[in-house]
Amino acid sequence: MQEGKLILIPTPIGNLEDITLRGLRMLKEADAILAEDTRQTVKLLNHYEISKPLWSYHAHNEHKQVAHLIEEMQGGKVLGMVSDAGTPAISDPGFLLVRECLKAGISVECLPGATAFVPALVKSGLPSDAFIFLGFLPEKKGRQTAFKALVDIETTMIFYESPHRLLKTLTQFGEYLGLERQASVSRELTKMFEETINGSIAELIHHFSNHPIKGEFVLVVEGKK
């Protein structure tokens, strides 16, 4: 009997050509694929003519699924895990299952591949020798505390943000960090309408107050000098 394991497979954040050859091979070799949204994942599989069982695994069912998935891998199943875009467990489901696999002595592989914050950081022109990735800021509870904690961070900071909260977040960056602080906003990375705007927080607020706010955003903010 083959040894079961979990393979985390990064998927393109936009351009379907950005999946690796090894990623495609792992999708073909896995016994089943855990997908954050099976409707999204099936588009990728169909594009590359891959037919595999898709099992739904997302933030709303992961606690219920973990024990069953551990049993499947202990029984010899090789499970691939993907998120809708990018690397699983980076601001996406995955951490919980990885932790339980390690507790159970199940092998975990993570392939290198697409993740949105790396190209956004490189394109920002801000220092990349040291940085801190903070994902999504709290929407309500703990939001003010989170902003206060950013004030004295001296390394470049990276955040994900949704279009309907972008201006609010930029405004709060201005309040807590200062309007002169340099920052960069990237949207729709690797897609047709990819765009990166660099400047002070004040300039970014002005820009996005006068332009449509569409797409998925990565914010890169200068650390305290």
Protein backbone atom coordinates (compact mmCIF):
# COMPACT_ATOMS: atom_id res chain seq x y z
CA MET A 1 0.00 0.00 0.00
CA GLN A 2 1.27 3.46 -0.91
CA GLU A 3 2.01 5.92 1.88
CA GLY A 4 -0.57 8.68 2.20
CA LYS A 5 0.46 12.30 2.24
CA LEU A 6 -0.71 15.88 1.73
CA ILE A 7 0.64 17.99 -1.14
CA LEU A 8 0.01 21.76 -1.14
CA ILE A 9 -0.11 22.90 -4.75
CA PRO A 10 0.01 26.64 -5.54
CA THR A 11 -2.31 27.67 -8.37
CA PRO A 12 -2.16 30.75 -10.62
CA ILE A 13 -3.34 34.05 -9.14
CA GLY A 14 -4.67 35.05 -12.55
CA ASN A 15 -2.71 33.89 -15.58
CA LEU A 16 -3.20 30.13 -16.01
CA GLU A 17 0.30 29.79 -17.50
CA ASP A 18 1.81 30.48 -14.08
CA ILE A 19 1.31 26.96 -12.74
CA THR A 20 4.52 24.93 -12.61
CA LEU A 21 5.16 21.70 -14.49
CA ARG A 22 5.55 19.94 -11.16
CA GLY A 23 2.26 21.42 -9.98
CA LEU A 24 0.49 19.94 -12.99
CA ARG A 25 2.11 16.56 -12.39
CA MET A 26 1.02 16.55 -8.74
CA LEU A 27 -2.55 17.42 -9.72
CA LYS A 28 -2.52 14.42 -12.08
CA GLU A 29 -0.96 12.03 -9.55
CA ALA A 30 -3.07 12.90 -6.49
CA ASP A 31 -5.92 10.53 -5.60
CA ALA A 32 -8.17 13.52 -4.95
CA ILE A 33 -7.88 17.30 -4.82
CA LEU A 34 -9.06 19.42 -1.89
CA ALA A 35 -10.43 22.64 -3.35
CA GLU A 36 -11.47 25.87 -1.66
CA ASP A 37 -14.08 26.40 -4.40
CA THR A 38 -14.58 23.44 -6.70
CA ARG A 39 -16.12 25.72 -9.34
CA GLN A 40 -12.86 27.66 -9.58
CA THR A 41 -10.59 24.64 -9.49
CA VAL A 42 -12.50 22.77 -12.20
CA LYS A 43 -11.71 25.63 -14.62
CA LEU A 44 -7.99 25.06 -14.06
CA LEU A 45 -8.31 21.28 -14.35
CA ASN A 46 -10.37 21.53 -17.52
CA HIS A 47 -7.85 23.92 -19.06
CA TYR A 48 -5.10 21.34 -18.60
CA GLU A 49 -7.39 18.35 -19.32
CA ILE A 50 -7.01 16.87 -15.84
CA SER A 51 -9.81 14.76 -14.41
CA LYS A 52 -9.68 14.12 -10.66
CA PRO A 53 -12.19 13.83 -7.79
CA LEU A 54 -12.66 17.27 -6.22
CA TRP A 55 -13.41 17.45 -2.50
CA SER A 56 -14.66 20.71 -1.05
CA TYR A 57 -12.39 22.08 1.69
CA HIS A 58 -12.83 25.68 2.80
CA ALA A 59 -12.94 27.97 5.83
CA HIS A 60 -16.53 27.00 6.69
CA ASN A 61 -16.10 23.22 6.72
CA GLU A 62 -12.41 22.58 7.47
CA HIS A 63 -12.92 21.81 11.17
CA LYS A 64 -15.51 19.15 10.29
CA GLN A 65 -13.40 17.67 7.50
CA VAL A 66 -10.01 17.32 9.16
CA ALA A 67 -10.53 14.04 11.02
CA HIS A 68 -11.97 12.35 7.91
CA LEU A 69 -9.11 13.58 5.71
CA ILE A 70 -6.51 12.38 8.20
CA GLU A 71 -8.12 8.92 8.08
CA GLU A 72 -8.03 8.95 4.27
CA MET A 73 -4.30 9.75 4.24
CA GLN A 74 -3.57 7.20 6.96
CA GLY A 75 -5.28 4.70 4.65
CA GLY A 76 -2.85 5.54 1.85
CA LYS A 77 -4.57 8.37 -0.02
CA VAL A 78 -2.40 11.10 -1.56
CA LEU A 79 -4.37 14.34 -1.36
CA GLY A 80 -3.53 17.51 -3.26
CA MET A 81 -4.70 20.80 -1.77
CA VAL A 82 -5.34 23.99 -3.72
CA SER A 83 -6.89 27.34 -2.88
CA ASP A 84 -8.76 29.52 -5.36
CA ALA A 85 -5.51 31.29 -6.22
CA GLY A 86 -1.96 31.28 -4.89
CA THR A 87 -0.46 29.10 -2.18
CA PRO A 88 -2.76 27.25 0.25
CA ALA A 89 -2.56 28.39 3.90
CA ILE A 90 -1.40 31.91 2.94
CA SER A 91 -4.53 33.89 3.89
CA ASP A 92 -6.44 30.78 2.76
CA PRO A 93 -7.45 27.43 4.31
CA GLY A 94 -4.67 24.93 4.85
CA PHE A 95 -2.92 25.63 8.15
CA LEU A 96 -5.29 23.49 10.23
CA LEU A 97 -4.91 20.38 8.05
CA VAL A 98 -1.12 20.78 7.80
CA ARG A 99 -0.87 21.00 11.59
CA GLU A 100 -2.99 17.89 12.11
CA CYS A 101 -1.05 15.96 9.46
CA LEU A 102 2.19 16.70 11.28
CA LYS A 103 0.65 15.63 14.58
CA ALA A 104 -0.43 12.36 12.98
CA GLY A 105 2.97 11.73 11.38
CA ILE A 106 1.64 12.21 7.84
CA SER A 107 4.07 13.59 5.27
CA VAL A 108 3.39 17.12 3.99
CA GLU A 109 4.87 18.55 0.80
CA CYS A 110 4.49 22.18 -0.30
CA LEU A 111 5.39 23.07 -3.86
CA PRO A 112 6.85 26.48 -4.65
CA GLY A 113 4.69 28.64 -6.84
CA ALA A 114 2.39 31.59 -7.23
CA THR A 115 1.59 33.93 -4.38
CA ALA A 116 0.39 37.50 -4.83
CA PHE A 117 2.51 39.37 -2.30
CA VAL A 118 5.92 38.56 -3.83
CA PRO A 119 5.46 40.37 -7.18
CA ALA A 120 3.69 43.24 -5.37
CA LEU A 121 6.66 43.62 -3.02
CA VAL A 122 9.23 43.51 -5.81
CA LYS A 123 7.29 46.05 -7.92
CA SER A 124 6.80 48.44 -5.01
CA GLY A 125 10.38 49.68 -4.98
CA LEU A 126 10.31 49.49 -1.18
CA PRO A 127 13.01 47.59 0.75
CA SER A 128 12.59 43.83 0.29
CA ASP A 129 15.57 42.60 2.30
CA ALA A 130 13.27 42.34 5.33
CA PHE A 131 9.49 42.49 5.36
CA ILE A 132 6.46 41.38 7.34
CA PHE A 133 3.38 39.85 5.69
CA LEU A 134 0.20 40.54 7.66
CA GLY A 135 -2.53 39.31 5.31
CA PHE A 136 -5.96 40.87 5.83
CA LEU A 137 -6.40 43.39 8.64
CA PRO A 138 -9.33 42.72 11.00
CA GLU A 139 -12.59 44.06 9.59
CA LYS A 140 -14.06 45.25 12.90
CA LYS A 141 -13.00 43.72 16.20
CA GLY A 142 -9.33 44.41 16.88
CA ARG A 143 -8.88 46.69 13.87
CA GLN A 144 -7.83 49.77 15.85
CA THR A 145 -5.42 47.68 17.94
CA ALA A 146 -3.93 46.24 14.75
CA PHE A 147 -3.25 49.69 13.31
CA LYS A 148 -1.65 50.88 16.54
CA ALA A 149 0.69 47.88 16.43
CA LEU A 150 1.93 48.93 12.97
CA VAL A 151 3.25 52.33 14.06
CA ASP A 152 6.70 51.22 15.21
CA ILE A 153 7.35 48.45 12.68
CA GLU A 154 10.55 49.33 10.84
CA THR A 155 10.41 46.76 8.03
CA THR A 156 8.28 46.86 4.90
CA MET A 157 4.70 45.70 5.59
CA ILE A 158 2.47 43.77 3.18
CA PHE A 159 -1.32 43.41 3.35
CA TYR A 160 -4.15 41.98 1.29
CA GLU A 161 -7.30 44.07 0.89
CA SER A 162 -10.68 43.87 -0.79
CA PRO A 163 -11.93 46.64 -3.12
CA HIS A 164 -14.71 47.83 -0.82
CA ARG A 165 -12.29 48.43 2.09
CA LEU A 166 -9.31 49.81 0.16
CA LEU A 167 -9.98 53.52 0.70
CA LYS A 168 -10.88 52.99 4.35
CA THR A 169 -7.63 51.12 4.93
CA LEU A 170 -5.51 53.71 3.11
CA THR A 171 -7.18 56.48 5.12
CA GLN A 172 -6.41 54.68 8.38
CA PHE A 173 -2.80 54.14 7.27
CA GLY A 174 -2.65 57.91 6.86
CA GLU A 175 -4.10 58.47 10.33
CA TYR A 176 -1.77 56.08 12.14
CA LEU A 177 1.40 56.09 10.00
CA GLY A 178 1.28 59.55 8.43
CA LEU A 179 0.14 60.69 5.00
CA GLU A 180 3.73 61.11 3.83
CA ARG A 181 4.57 57.41 4.37
CA GLN A 182 5.48 55.74 1.06
CA ALA A 183 3.36 52.83 -0.13
CA SER A 184 2.38 50.81 -3.18
CA VAL A 185 -0.93 49.33 -4.29
CA SER A 186 -1.04 46.49 -6.82
CA ARG A 187 -4.21 45.03 -8.27
CA GLU A 188 -5.14 42.24 -10.65
CA LEU A 189 -1.59 40.86 -10.65
CA THR A 190 -0.78 38.69 -13.71
CA LYS A 191 -4.14 39.58 -15.29
CA MET A 192 -5.04 41.79 -18.26
CA PHE A 193 -5.65 44.91 -16.16
CA GLU A 194 -2.65 44.52 -13.83
CA GLU A 195 -1.72 47.85 -12.26
CA THR A 196 0.70 49.09 -9.61
CA ILE A 197 0.48 52.62 -8.18
CA ASN A 198 3.38 53.89 -6.06
CA GLY A 199 3.52 57.05 -3.97
CA SER A 200 2.78 58.54 -0.59
CA ILE A 201 -0.32 57.39 1.23
CA ALA A 202 -1.84 60.81 0.52
CA GLU A 203 -1.19 60.35 -3.21
CA LEU A 204 -2.70 56.87 -3.17
CA ILE A 205 -5.83 58.11 -1.38
CA HIS A 206 -6.19 60.84 -4.00
CA HIS A 207 -5.70 58.38 -6.87
CA PHE A 208 -8.21 55.80 -5.67
CA SER A 209 -10.72 58.50 -4.73
CA ASN A 210 -10.80 59.44 -8.41
CA HIS A 211 -10.54 56.07 -10.13
CA PRO A 212 -12.72 52.94 -10.10
CA ILE A 213 -11.70 50.44 -7.41
CA LYS A 214 -11.92 46.95 -8.90
CA GLY A 215 -10.02 43.72 -8.41
CA GLU A 216 -8.00 42.12 -5.64
CA PHE A 217 -5.41 44.33 -3.96
CA VAL A 218 -1.99 43.96 -2.36
CA LEU A 219 -0.77 46.89 -0.26
CA VAL A 220 2.92 47.36 0.46
CA VAL A 221 3.77 50.01 3.06
CA GLU A 222 7.11 51.51 4.03
CA GLY A 223 8.36 50.76 7.54
CA LYS A 224 9.08 53.43 10.14
CA LYS A 225 12.30 55.30 9.44
